[in-house]
Amino acid sequence: MVDRISNEENAPLLKPIKPIKFHQKGQVKPAAMKLTDTQQQRIRELDIFGEYQQDLKKDFSSSAARDEFYRQTEQELARKNRRQLEEFNQEKLIPELRRLEMDMRNTLTSLGFSEVTTPLRLARGRLEKMGIDENHPLWNQIYWLEGKENCLRPMHAPNLYSLLGRLTGTVEKPISIFEVGPCFRRESSGRRHLAEFTMLNLVELGPEGDAEARLEDITHHIVEELELDCDLRSENSRVYGQTLDVEINGMEVASGATGPHELDSAWNISDSWAGIGFGLERIIMADRGLGNIKRTGRSLIYQDGARLNV
C-alpha cells in the first residue's frame, strides 16, 4: 500500500501560477485626451503667429493635464495680444495695413504714377467686357446687387481699363495710374482668404521700351522700397494667361501681366501696357508670418494683428 503522505512530502515544490487577466471581447484602451473644441478655437483666436497649431493635436494623459496646458497656453497668448495692442495704441498709432498703403502710395507717386479713385459698385457689363460670364470660375465669387445688374467690385481692373480708354488721346503717354482700396469676393473660408480685402493695382499704358521689362522694373522697385524678401515666378491666370507673380514665403501676394491683350479692344485700347495688382493683407500676413489673414484686414475683432477680447 502506498504511503500518500510520504509521497506528498517528497514531491517537488511548484511555483505559484500568476492570475490570468481576461479582456472582454471588443474592449479597447481609453483614448488619449485632446483639447476640447472650445479650447482649440480659443487658441486659434489668440495665436498671432500660428506657433501653437501643432499643439491642437496634442495628446494628454488626463483631463487635468490637458486643462493645465490650456490654462498656461491661453494666459501666455493673451499676454502677447495685450502687449501688441499696447504697442499699437501707444507707439505705432497707425495699423500696418494703412501704413503699407501709405508706403506703396509714396513709392508709386515718386515713380510718376497718379492715384485715381473709382466706385466700389461695378456694372455687370464691365465684368462681361473682362471675359467674366456665368461660365467663368470667378462668377460664383461675385457679390451681386439689385438682381445681378451690379456688384461690389471683385477687382480694380475693369475701372482702370475704363479710365485708360477715356484718357487715351487726351493725355500724353505713357499714362501711369494706380488705385488702392477694397475689393470683394465670396472666397472660400480659410486662413488665407477674406471676403473684403485691399488691392493696389497699377498700370502703365504706352511704356517706353519693352512692356515685360518695364513690369519687372516696376515690381523690383516696389519690393525693394518695401524691403520685402520675395520671389518672382511665371504663372497662368484665369483672365490674363501668362503672369508675373510675386511670392513671399511661398504665398502669392501679387500678380502682373502685360499687353496688348485680347481684352483691350473692348476698352478702346491698342497700345502696349504693363500692370500688376498687390494684395495688401496677404503681404502683411506672409511678411510677418501671421497664422491667419483675418488679423490683417478691416475688422471689429482684430486690430493690427491682435485679438481684442483678451
C-alpha atoms as a PDB file:
ATOM      1  CA  MET A   1       0.000   0.000   0.000  1.00  0.00           C
ATOM      2  CA  VAL A   2       1.415   3.380  -0.959  1.00  0.00           C
ATOM      3  CA  ASP A   3       2.037   5.900   1.785  1.00  0.00           C
ATOM      4  CA  ARG A   4       0.262   9.003   0.257  1.00  0.00           C
ATOM      5  CA  ILE A   5       1.506  11.420   2.911  1.00  0.00           C
ATOM      6  CA  SER A   6       5.118  10.403   2.412  1.00  0.00           C
ATOM      7  CA  ASN A   7       4.859  10.830  -1.353  1.00  0.00           C
ATOM      8  CA  GLU A   8       3.365  14.338  -0.998  1.00  0.00           C
ATOM      9  CA  GLU A   9       6.181  15.433   1.323  1.00  0.00           C
ATOM     10  CA  ASN A  10       8.832  14.276  -1.173  1.00  0.00           C
ATOM     11  CA  ALA A  11       7.119  15.888  -4.221  1.00  0.00           C
ATOM     12  CA  PRO A  12       8.901  18.914  -5.764  1.00  0.00           C
ATOM     13  CA  LEU A  13       7.552  22.371  -4.908  1.00  0.00           C
ATOM     14  CA  LEU A  14       5.557  24.101  -7.711  1.00  0.00           C
ATOM     15  CA  LYS A  15       5.841  27.852  -8.452  1.00  0.00           C
ATOM     16  CA  PRO A  16       2.641  29.803  -7.887  1.00  0.00           C
ATOM     17  CA  ILE A  17       0.732  30.466 -11.074  1.00  0.00           C
ATOM     18  CA  LYS A  18       0.145  34.169 -11.955  1.00  0.00           C
ATOM     19  CA  PRO A  19      -3.501  35.077 -12.324  1.00  0.00           C
ATOM     20  CA  ILE A  20      -4.592  35.421 -15.939  1.00  0.00           C
ATOM     21  CA  LYS A  21      -6.349  38.666 -16.931  1.00  0.00           C
ATOM     22  CA  PHE A  22      -9.207  38.282 -19.356  1.00  0.00           C
ATOM     23  CA  HIS A  23     -10.468  41.188 -21.529  1.00  0.00           C
ATOM     24  CA  GLN A  24     -13.980  41.298 -22.741  1.00  0.00           C
ATOM     25  CA  LYS A  25     -14.375  40.968 -26.475  1.00  0.00           C
ATOM     26  CA  GLY A  26     -14.180  44.406 -28.172  1.00  0.00           C
ATOM     27  CA  GLN A  27     -12.643  46.071 -25.097  1.00  0.00           C
ATOM     28  CA  VAL A  28     -10.149  48.858 -26.034  1.00  0.00           C
ATOM     29  CA  LYS A  29      -7.788  51.053 -24.105  1.00  0.00           C
ATOM     30  CA  PRO A  30      -9.093  54.510 -23.153  1.00  0.00           C
ATOM     31  CA  ALA A  31      -8.468  57.105 -25.895  1.00  0.00           C
ATOM     32  CA  ALA A  32      -5.903  59.830 -25.239  1.00  0.00           C
ATOM     33  CA  MET A  33      -7.336  63.170 -24.125  1.00  0.00           C
ATOM     34  CA  LYS A  34      -7.248  66.064 -26.589  1.00  0.00           C
ATOM     35  CA  LEU A  35      -8.088  69.737 -26.300  1.00  0.00           C
ATOM     36  CA  THR A  36     -11.816  70.379 -26.476  1.00  0.00           C
ATOM     37  CA  ASP A  37     -13.292  72.161 -29.499  1.00  0.00           C
ATOM     38  CA  THR A  38     -13.781  75.286 -27.383  1.00  0.00           C
ATOM     39  CA  GLN A  39     -10.181  75.206 -26.165  1.00  0.00           C
ATOM     40  CA  GLN A  40      -8.864  74.719 -29.704  1.00  0.00           C
ATOM     41  CA  GLN A  41     -10.939  77.613 -31.009  1.00  0.00           C
ATOM     42  CA  ARG A  42      -9.686  79.945 -28.289  1.00  0.00           C
ATOM     43  CA  ILE A  43      -6.051  79.086 -29.012  1.00  0.00           C
ATOM     44  CA  ARG A  44      -6.612  79.717 -32.728  1.00  0.00           C
ATOM     45  CA  GLU A  45      -8.112  83.117 -31.926  1.00  0.00           C
ATOM     46  CA  LEU A  46      -5.148  84.195 -29.792  1.00  0.00           C
ATOM     47  CA  ASP A  47      -2.302  82.523 -31.691  1.00  0.00           C
ATOM     48  CA  ILE A  48      -0.927  85.512 -33.620  1.00  0.00           C
ATOM     49  CA  PHE A  49       1.884  83.727 -35.449  1.00  0.00           C
ATOM     50  CA  GLY A  50       0.437  80.207 -35.622  1.00  0.00           C
ATOM     51  CA  GLU A  51       3.018  78.913 -33.139  1.00  0.00           C
ATOM     52  CA  TYR A  52       0.619  76.572 -31.352  1.00  0.00           C
ATOM     53  CA  GLN A  53      -1.166  74.965 -34.302  1.00  0.00           C
ATOM     54  CA  GLN A  54       0.637  71.654 -33.832  1.00  0.00           C
ATOM     55  CA  ASP A  55      -0.388  71.591 -30.169  1.00  0.00           C
ATOM     56  CA  LEU A  56      -4.042  71.472 -31.185  1.00  0.00           C
ATOM     57  CA  LYS A  57      -3.488  67.770 -31.974  1.00  0.00           C
ATOM     58  CA  LYS A  58      -1.534  67.069 -28.789  1.00  0.00           C
ATOM     59  CA  ASP A  59      -2.487  64.025 -26.661  1.00  0.00           C
ATOM     60  CA  PHE A  60      -2.838  64.299 -22.876  1.00  0.00           C
ATOM     61  CA  SER A  61      -2.821  61.582 -20.239  1.00  0.00           C
ATOM     62  CA  SER A  62      -5.721  63.116 -18.331  1.00  0.00           C
ATOM     63  CA  SER A  63      -8.239  65.934 -18.422  1.00  0.00           C
ATOM     64  CA  ALA A  64      -6.307  67.633 -15.614  1.00  0.00           C
ATOM     65  CA  ALA A  65      -3.094  67.668 -17.683  1.00  0.00           C
ATOM     66  CA  ARG A  66      -4.998  68.918 -20.716  1.00  0.00           C
ATOM     67  CA  ASP A  67      -6.726  71.722 -18.821  1.00  0.00           C
ATOM     68  CA  GLU A  68      -3.468  72.827 -17.182  1.00  0.00           C
ATOM     69  CA  PHE A  69      -1.755  73.015 -20.575  1.00  0.00           C
ATOM     70  CA  TYR A  70      -4.670  75.018 -21.950  1.00  0.00           C
ATOM     71  CA  ARG A  71      -4.656  77.399 -18.971  1.00  0.00           C
ATOM     72  CA  GLN A  72      -0.958  78.185 -19.336  1.00  0.00           C
ATOM     73  CA  THR A  73      -1.137  78.493 -23.127  1.00  0.00           C
ATOM     74  CA  GLU A  74      -4.215  80.733 -23.063  1.00  0.00           C
ATOM     75  CA  GLN A  75      -2.611  83.046 -20.498  1.00  0.00           C
ATOM     76  CA  GLU A  76       0.629  83.337 -22.482  1.00  0.00           C
ATOM     77  CA  LEU A  77      -1.172  84.054 -25.763  1.00  0.00           C
ATOM     78  CA  ALA A  78      -3.447  86.590 -24.078  1.00  0.00           C
ATOM     79  CA  ARG A  79      -0.370  88.410 -22.744  1.00  0.00           C
ATOM     80  CA  LYS A  80       1.130  88.568 -26.250  1.00  0.00           C
ATOM     81  CA  ASN A  81      -2.080  90.050 -27.660  1.00  0.00           C
ATOM     82  CA  ARG A  82      -2.255  92.635 -24.868  1.00  0.00           C
ATOM     83  CA  ARG A  83       1.353  93.663 -25.490  1.00  0.00           C
ATOM     84  CA  GLN A  84       0.663  94.082 -29.195  1.00  0.00           C
ATOM     85  CA  LEU A  85      -2.440  96.173 -28.525  1.00  0.00           C
ATOM     86  CA  GLU A  86      -0.498  98.374 -26.099  1.00  0.00           C
ATOM     87  CA  GLU A  87       2.262  98.849 -28.672  1.00  0.00           C
ATOM     88  CA  PHE A  88      -0.298  99.788 -31.317  1.00  0.00           C
ATOM     89  CA  ASN A  89      -2.159 102.188 -29.016  1.00  0.00           C
ATOM     90  CA  GLN A  90       0.907 103.933 -27.582  1.00  0.00           C
ATOM     91  CA  GLU A  91       3.618 103.725 -30.245  1.00  0.00           C
ATOM     92  CA  LYS A  92       2.558 102.637 -33.744  1.00  0.00           C
ATOM     93  CA  LEU A  93      -0.749 104.588 -33.794  1.00  0.00           C
ATOM     94  CA  ILE A  94      -1.418 103.611 -37.424  1.00  0.00           C
ATOM     95  CA  PRO A  95      -2.363 100.000 -38.288  1.00  0.00           C
ATOM     96  CA  GLU A  96       0.031  98.112 -40.515  1.00  0.00           C
ATOM     97  CA  LEU A  97      -2.477  97.895 -43.354  1.00  0.00           C
ATOM     98  CA  ARG A  98      -2.780 101.670 -43.560  1.00  0.00           C
ATOM     99  CA  ARG A  99       0.968 102.121 -43.165  1.00  0.00           C
ATOM    100  CA  LEU A 100       1.573  99.745 -46.088  1.00  0.00           C
ATOM    101  CA  GLU A 101      -0.928 101.689 -48.202  1.00  0.00           C
ATOM    102  CA  MET A 102       0.926 104.917 -47.433  1.00  0.00           C
ATOM    103  CA  ASP A 103       4.337 103.422 -48.237  1.00  0.00           C
ATOM    104  CA  MET A 104       3.151 101.995 -51.552  1.00  0.00           C
ATOM    105  CA  ARG A 105       1.392 105.233 -52.448  1.00  0.00           C
ATOM    106  CA  ASN A 106       4.574 107.226 -51.793  1.00  0.00           C
ATOM    107  CA  THR A 107       6.661 104.763 -53.805  1.00  0.00           C
ATOM    108  CA  LEU A 108       4.387 104.927 -56.843  1.00  0.00           C
ATOM    109  CA  THR A 109       3.940 108.691 -56.872  1.00  0.00           C
ATOM    110  CA  SER A 110       7.740 109.010 -56.708  1.00  0.00           C
ATOM    111  CA  LEU A 111       7.827 106.916 -59.913  1.00  0.00           C
ATOM    112  CA  GLY A 112       5.400 109.300 -61.609  1.00  0.00           C
ATOM    113  CA  PHE A 113       2.171 107.318 -61.140  1.00  0.00           C
ATOM    114  CA  SER A 114      -1.077 109.208 -60.499  1.00  0.00           C
ATOM    115  CA  GLU A 115      -3.552 107.849 -57.948  1.00  0.00           C
ATOM    116  CA  VAL A 116      -7.155 107.502 -59.117  1.00  0.00           C
ATOM    117  CA  THR A 117     -10.359 106.737 -57.224  1.00  0.00           C
ATOM    118  CA  THR A 118     -13.253 104.796 -58.748  1.00  0.00           C
ATOM    119  CA  PRO A 119     -16.621 103.444 -57.492  1.00  0.00           C
ATOM    120  CA  LEU A 120     -16.959 100.277 -55.420  1.00  0.00           C
ATOM    121  CA  ARG A 121     -20.104  99.442 -57.357  1.00  0.00           C
ATOM    122  CA  LEU A 122     -19.495  97.792 -60.714  1.00  0.00           C
ATOM    123  CA  ALA A 123     -21.954  97.207 -63.562  1.00  0.00           C
ATOM    124  CA  ARG A 124     -22.377  93.649 -64.829  1.00  0.00           C
ATOM    125  CA  GLY A 125     -21.441  94.766 -68.324  1.00  0.00           C
ATOM    126  CA  ARG A 126     -17.966  95.772 -67.188  1.00  0.00           C
ATOM    127  CA  LEU A 127     -17.348  92.273 -65.853  1.00  0.00           C
ATOM    128  CA  GLU A 128     -18.506  90.758 -69.131  1.00  0.00           C
ATOM    129  CA  LYS A 129     -16.072  93.005 -71.010  1.00  0.00           C
ATOM    130  CA  MET A 130     -13.366  91.364 -68.882  1.00  0.00           C
ATOM    131  CA  GLY A 131     -14.495  87.960 -70.163  1.00  0.00           C
ATOM    132  CA  ILE A 132     -16.157  87.076 -66.848  1.00  0.00           C
ATOM    133  CA  ASP A 133     -19.541  85.468 -67.510  1.00  0.00           C
ATOM    134  CA  GLU A 134     -21.614  82.676 -65.978  1.00  0.00           C
ATOM    135  CA  ASN A 135     -19.142  80.070 -67.238  1.00  0.00           C
ATOM    136  CA  HIS A 136     -16.121  81.762 -65.681  1.00  0.00           C
ATOM    137  CA  PRO A 137     -14.763  80.385 -62.355  1.00  0.00           C
ATOM    138  CA  LEU A 138     -14.853  83.874 -60.803  1.00  0.00           C
ATOM    139  CA  TRP A 139     -18.589  84.303 -61.478  1.00  0.00           C
ATOM    140  CA  ASN A 140     -19.701  82.454 -58.339  1.00  0.00           C
ATOM    141  CA  GLN A 141     -17.434  84.617 -56.173  1.00  0.00           C
ATOM    142  CA  ILE A 142     -19.175  87.870 -57.129  1.00  0.00           C
ATOM    143  CA  TYR A 143     -21.199  89.875 -54.572  1.00  0.00           C
ATOM    144  CA  TRP A 144     -24.240  90.754 -56.677  1.00  0.00           C
ATOM    145  CA  LEU A 145     -26.556  93.698 -56.079  1.00  0.00           C
ATOM    146  CA  GLU A 146     -30.006  94.545 -57.455  1.00  0.00           C
ATOM    147  CA  GLY A 147     -30.822  91.386 -59.342  1.00  0.00           C
ATOM    148  CA  LYS A 148     -27.307  90.809 -60.635  1.00  0.00           C
ATOM    149  CA  GLU A 149     -27.210  94.001 -62.688  1.00  0.00           C
ATOM    150  CA  ASN A 150     -24.497  95.460 -60.450  1.00  0.00           C
ATOM    151  CA  CYS A 151     -21.970  94.043 -57.996  1.00  0.00           C
ATOM    152  CA  LEU A 152     -19.310  95.023 -55.498  1.00  0.00           C
ATOM    153  CA  ARG A 153     -16.086  95.188 -57.458  1.00  0.00           C
ATOM    154  CA  PRO A 154     -14.062  91.952 -57.255  1.00  0.00           C
ATOM    155  CA  MET A 155     -11.008  93.698 -58.746  1.00  0.00           C
ATOM    156  CA  HIS A 156      -9.793  97.136 -59.878  1.00  0.00           C
ATOM    157  CA  ALA A 157      -9.033  96.128 -63.468  1.00  0.00           C
ATOM    158  CA  PRO A 158     -12.420  96.962 -65.102  1.00  0.00           C
ATOM    159  CA  ASN A 159     -12.402 100.522 -63.764  1.00  0.00           C
ATOM    160  CA  LEU A 160      -8.733 101.076 -64.621  1.00  0.00           C
ATOM    161  CA  TYR A 161      -9.386  99.775 -68.142  1.00  0.00           C
ATOM    162  CA  SER A 162     -12.288 102.210 -68.431  1.00  0.00           C
ATOM    163  CA  LEU A 163     -10.158 105.159 -67.307  1.00  0.00           C
ATOM    164  CA  LEU A 164      -7.326 104.302 -69.675  1.00  0.00           C
ATOM    165  CA  GLY A 165      -9.773 104.097 -72.570  1.00  0.00           C
ATOM    166  CA  ARG A 166     -11.050 107.587 -71.761  1.00  0.00           C
ATOM    167  CA  LEU A 167      -7.588 109.058 -71.166  1.00  0.00           C
ATOM    168  CA  THR A 168      -6.181 107.692 -74.423  1.00  0.00           C
ATOM    169  CA  GLY A 169      -5.976 110.515 -76.945  1.00  0.00           C
ATOM    170  CA  THR A 170      -6.363 113.129 -74.204  1.00  0.00           C
ATOM    171  CA  VAL A 171      -3.277 112.609 -72.033  1.00  0.00           C
ATOM    172  CA  GLU A 172       0.247 112.157 -73.325  1.00  0.00           C
ATOM    173  CA  LYS A 173       1.715 108.648 -72.983  1.00  0.00           C
ATOM    174  CA  PRO A 174       2.943 106.889 -71.022  1.00  0.00           C
ATOM    175  CA  ILE A 175      -0.186 107.034 -68.857  1.00  0.00           C
ATOM    176  CA  SER A 176       0.707 105.712 -65.394  1.00  0.00           C
ATOM    177  CA  ILE A 177      -2.125 105.303 -62.864  1.00  0.00           C
ATOM    178  CA  PHE A 178      -2.909 103.237 -59.779  1.00  0.00           C
ATOM    179  CA  GLU A 179      -5.738 102.666 -57.326  1.00  0.00           C
ATOM    180  CA  VAL A 180      -5.725 101.259 -53.807  1.00  0.00           C
ATOM    181  CA  GLY A 181      -8.875 100.250 -51.976  1.00  0.00           C
ATOM    182  CA  PRO A 182     -11.264  97.451 -51.012  1.00  0.00           C
ATOM    183  CA  CYS A 183     -12.438  94.661 -53.307  1.00  0.00           C
ATOM    184  CA  PHE A 184     -14.978  91.935 -52.549  1.00  0.00           C
ATOM    185  CA  ARG A 185     -15.219  88.223 -53.341  1.00  0.00           C
ATOM    186  CA  ARG A 186     -17.100  85.258 -51.948  1.00  0.00           C
ATOM    187  CA  GLU A 187     -13.838  83.448 -51.300  1.00  0.00           C
ATOM    188  CA  SER A 188     -13.775  80.007 -49.736  1.00  0.00           C
ATOM    189  CA  SER A 189     -13.288  80.227 -45.996  1.00  0.00           C
ATOM    190  CA  GLY A 190      -9.756  79.711 -44.767  1.00  0.00           C
ATOM    191  CA  ARG A 191      -6.817  81.381 -43.154  1.00  0.00           C
ATOM    192  CA  ARG A 192      -5.638  82.946 -46.461  1.00  0.00           C
ATOM    193  CA  HIS A 193      -8.932  84.374 -47.750  1.00  0.00           C
ATOM    194  CA  LEU A 194     -11.034  87.442 -46.945  1.00  0.00           C
ATOM    195  CA  ALA A 195     -14.437  88.466 -48.276  1.00  0.00           C
ATOM    196  CA  GLU A 196     -13.310  92.129 -48.162  1.00  0.00           C
ATOM    197  CA  PHE A 197      -9.675  92.754 -48.989  1.00  0.00           C
ATOM    198  CA  THR A 198      -7.417  95.612 -50.070  1.00  0.00           C
ATOM    199  CA  MET A 199      -5.881  95.646 -53.531  1.00  0.00           C
ATOM    200  CA  LEU A 200      -3.402  98.022 -55.089  1.00  0.00           C
ATOM    201  CA  ASN A 201      -3.463  97.845 -58.871  1.00  0.00           C
ATOM    202  CA  LEU A 202      -1.197  99.864 -61.129  1.00  0.00           C
ATOM    203  CA  VAL A 203      -0.954 100.069 -64.892  1.00  0.00           C
ATOM    204  CA  GLU A 204       1.231 101.965 -67.330  1.00  0.00           C
ATOM    205  CA  LEU A 205      -0.134 102.412 -70.841  1.00  0.00           C
ATOM    206  CA  GLY A 206       2.393 103.004 -73.619  1.00  0.00           C
ATOM    207  CA  PRO A 207       5.584 102.358 -71.639  1.00  0.00           C
ATOM    208  CA  GLU A 208       8.884 103.275 -73.236  1.00  0.00           C
ATOM    209  CA  GLY A 209      10.580 100.105 -74.415  1.00  0.00           C
ATOM    210  CA  ASP A 210       9.542  96.508 -73.734  1.00  0.00           C
ATOM    211  CA  ALA A 211       6.402  96.093 -71.599  1.00  0.00           C
ATOM    212  CA  GLU A 212       7.642  92.947 -69.837  1.00  0.00           C
ATOM    213  CA  ALA A 213      10.932  94.608 -68.916  1.00  0.00           C
ATOM    214  CA  ARG A 214       9.001  97.618 -67.617  1.00  0.00           C
ATOM    215  CA  LEU A 215       6.763  95.367 -65.493  1.00  0.00           C
ATOM    216  CA  GLU A 216       9.778  93.673 -63.926  1.00  0.00           C
ATOM    217  CA  ASP A 217      11.455  97.037 -63.318  1.00  0.00           C
ATOM    218  CA  ILE A 218       8.405  98.490 -61.536  1.00  0.00           C
ATOM    219  CA  THR A 219       7.903  95.317 -59.496  1.00  0.00           C
ATOM    220  CA  HIS A 220      11.543  95.169 -58.389  1.00  0.00           C
ATOM    221  CA  HIS A 221      11.435  98.841 -57.397  1.00  0.00           C
ATOM    222  CA  ILE A 222       8.330  98.353 -55.243  1.00  0.00           C
ATOM    223  CA  VAL A 223       9.533  95.249 -53.398  1.00  0.00           C
ATOM    224  CA  GLU A 224      12.932  96.842 -52.777  1.00  0.00           C
ATOM    225  CA  GLU A 225      11.364 100.006 -51.368  1.00  0.00           C
ATOM    226  CA  LEU A 226       9.147  97.893 -49.098  1.00  0.00           C
ATOM    227  CA  GLU A 227      12.151  95.700 -48.167  1.00  0.00           C
ATOM    228  CA  LEU A 228      10.254  92.511 -48.980  1.00  0.00           C
ATOM    229  CA  ASP A 229      12.083  89.191 -49.224  1.00  0.00           C
ATOM    230  CA  CYS A 230      10.243  87.638 -52.166  1.00  0.00           C
ATOM    231  CA  ASP A 231      10.485  85.512 -55.308  1.00  0.00           C
ATOM    232  CA  LEU A 232       9.222  86.303 -58.821  1.00  0.00           C
ATOM    233  CA  ARG A 233       7.585  83.450 -60.738  1.00  0.00           C
ATOM    234  CA  SER A 234       5.824  82.976 -64.068  1.00  0.00           C
ATOM    235  CA  GLU A 235       2.290  81.550 -63.701  1.00  0.00           C
ATOM    236  CA  ASN A 236      -1.015  81.207 -65.577  1.00  0.00           C
ATOM    237  CA  SER A 237      -4.029  83.422 -64.789  1.00  0.00           C
ATOM    238  CA  ARG A 238      -7.760  82.803 -65.387  1.00  0.00           C
ATOM    239  CA  VAL A 239      -8.082  86.198 -67.074  1.00  0.00           C
ATOM    240  CA  TYR A 240      -4.672  87.276 -68.425  1.00  0.00           C
ATOM    241  CA  GLY A 241      -2.969  83.981 -69.242  1.00  0.00           C
ATOM    242  CA  GLN A 242       0.773  84.238 -68.542  1.00  0.00           C
ATOM    243  CA  THR A 243       1.514  86.370 -65.474  1.00  0.00           C
ATOM    244  CA  LEU A 244       4.440  87.500 -63.329  1.00  0.00           C
ATOM    245  CA  ASP A 245       3.677  86.568 -59.715  1.00  0.00           C
ATOM    246  CA  VAL A 246       5.319  87.752 -56.502  1.00  0.00           C
ATOM    247  CA  GLU A 247       5.603  85.223 -53.667  1.00  0.00           C
ATOM    248  CA  ILE A 248       6.647  85.709 -50.049  1.00  0.00           C
ATOM    249  CA  ASN A 249       7.391  82.533 -48.094  1.00  0.00           C
ATOM    250  CA  GLY A 250       5.530  80.513 -50.717  1.00  0.00           C
ATOM    251  CA  MET A 251       2.392  82.696 -50.680  1.00  0.00           C
ATOM    252  CA  GLU A 252       1.310  84.634 -53.767  1.00  0.00           C
ATOM    253  CA  VAL A 253       0.935  88.326 -52.868  1.00  0.00           C
ATOM    254  CA  ALA A 254       0.875  89.954 -56.325  1.00  0.00           C
ATOM    255  CA  SER A 255       0.256  89.108 -59.958  1.00  0.00           C
ATOM    256  CA  GLY A 256       1.277  91.140 -63.005  1.00  0.00           C
ATOM    257  CA  ALA A 257       0.607  90.986 -66.743  1.00  0.00           C
ATOM    258  CA  THR A 258       1.383  92.829 -69.968  1.00  0.00           C
ATOM    259  CA  GLY A 259      -0.467  93.757 -73.118  1.00  0.00           C
ATOM    260  CA  PRO A 260      -1.610  94.080 -75.839  1.00  0.00           C
ATOM    261  CA  HIS A 261      -4.231  91.554 -74.757  1.00  0.00           C
ATOM    262  CA  GLU A 262      -7.384  90.255 -76.437  1.00  0.00           C
ATOM    263  CA  LEU A 263      -9.498  92.125 -73.850  1.00  0.00           C
ATOM    264  CA  ASP A 264      -8.033  95.526 -74.814  1.00  0.00           C
ATOM    265  CA  SER A 265     -10.167  96.271 -77.861  1.00  0.00           C
ATOM    266  CA  ALA A 266     -13.375  96.276 -75.800  1.00  0.00           C
ATOM    267  CA  TRP A 267     -11.938  99.264 -73.904  1.00  0.00           C
ATOM    268  CA  ASN A 268     -10.608 101.194 -76.919  1.00  0.00           C
ATOM    269  CA  ILE A 269      -7.001 100.330 -76.062  1.00  0.00           C
ATOM    270  CA  SER A 270      -4.401  99.320 -78.644  1.00  0.00           C
ATOM    271  CA  ASP A 271      -1.083 100.310 -77.056  1.00  0.00           C
ATOM    272  CA  SER A 272       1.179  98.039 -75.066  1.00  0.00           C
ATOM    273  CA  TRP A 273       0.865  98.168 -71.282  1.00  0.00           C
ATOM    274  CA  ALA A 274       2.269  96.746 -68.053  1.00  0.00           C
ATOM    275  CA  GLY A 275       0.271  96.238 -64.859  1.00  0.00           C
ATOM    276  CA  ILE A 276       0.334  94.443 -61.535  1.00  0.00           C
ATOM    277  CA  GLY A 277      -2.005  94.005 -58.566  1.00  0.00           C
ATOM    278  CA  PHE A 278      -0.901  93.558 -54.945  1.00  0.00           C
ATOM    279  CA  GLY A 279      -2.971  92.020 -52.146  1.00  0.00           C
ATOM    280  CA  LEU A 280      -2.017  94.134 -49.134  1.00  0.00           C
ATOM    281  CA  GLU A 281      -3.371  91.868 -46.403  1.00  0.00           C
ATOM    282  CA  ARG A 282      -1.509  88.966 -47.968  1.00  0.00           C
ATOM    283  CA  ILE A 283       1.737  90.940 -47.992  1.00  0.00           C
ATOM    284  CA  ILE A 284       1.395  91.619 -44.264  1.00  0.00           C
ATOM    285  CA  MET A 285       0.430  88.044 -43.433  1.00  0.00           C
ATOM    286  CA  ALA A 286       3.296  86.498 -45.400  1.00  0.00           C
ATOM    287  CA  ASP A 287       5.931  89.047 -44.399  1.00  0.00           C
ATOM    288  CA  ARG A 288       5.149  88.853 -40.671  1.00  0.00           C
ATOM    289  CA  GLY A 289       4.440  85.126 -40.636  1.00  0.00           C
ATOM    290  CA  LEU A 290       0.928  85.561 -39.218  1.00  0.00           C
ATOM    291  CA  GLY A 291      -1.253  82.496 -38.744  1.00  0.00           C
ATOM    292  CA  ASN A 292      -4.474  83.981 -40.174  1.00  0.00           C
ATOM    293  CA  ILE A 293      -5.141  86.713 -42.736  1.00  0.00           C
ATOM    294  CA  LYS A 294      -8.177  87.932 -40.778  1.00  0.00           C
ATOM    295  CA  ARG A 295      -5.734  89.607 -38.373  1.00  0.00           C
ATOM    296  CA  THR A 296      -4.540  91.961 -41.104  1.00  0.00           C
ATOM    297  CA  GLY A 297      -7.737  93.374 -42.627  1.00  0.00           C
ATOM    298  CA  ARG A 298     -10.657  95.584 -41.697  1.00  0.00           C
ATOM    299  CA  SER A 299     -12.155  94.082 -38.545  1.00  0.00           C
ATOM    300  CA  LEU A 300     -14.110  94.612 -35.338  1.00  0.00           C
ATOM    301  CA  ILE A 301     -12.428  91.564 -33.779  1.00  0.00           C
ATOM    302  CA  TYR A 302      -8.748  92.225 -34.544  1.00  0.00           C
ATOM    303  CA  GLN A 303      -6.727  95.416 -34.700  1.00  0.00           C
ATOM    304  CA  ASP A 304      -3.224  95.481 -36.143  1.00  0.00           C
ATOM    305  CA  GLY A 305      -2.983  91.709 -35.753  1.00  0.00           C
ATOM    306  CA  ALA A 306      -4.093  91.451 -32.117  1.00  0.00           C
ATOM    307  CA  ARG A 307      -7.304  89.888 -30.817  1.00  0.00           C
ATOM    308  CA  LEU A 308      -9.454  92.382 -28.901  1.00  0.00           C
ATOM    309  CA  ASN A 309     -11.288  90.098 -26.448  1.00  0.00           C
ATOM    310  CA  VAL A 310      -8.308  89.010 -24.359  1.00  0.00           C
END
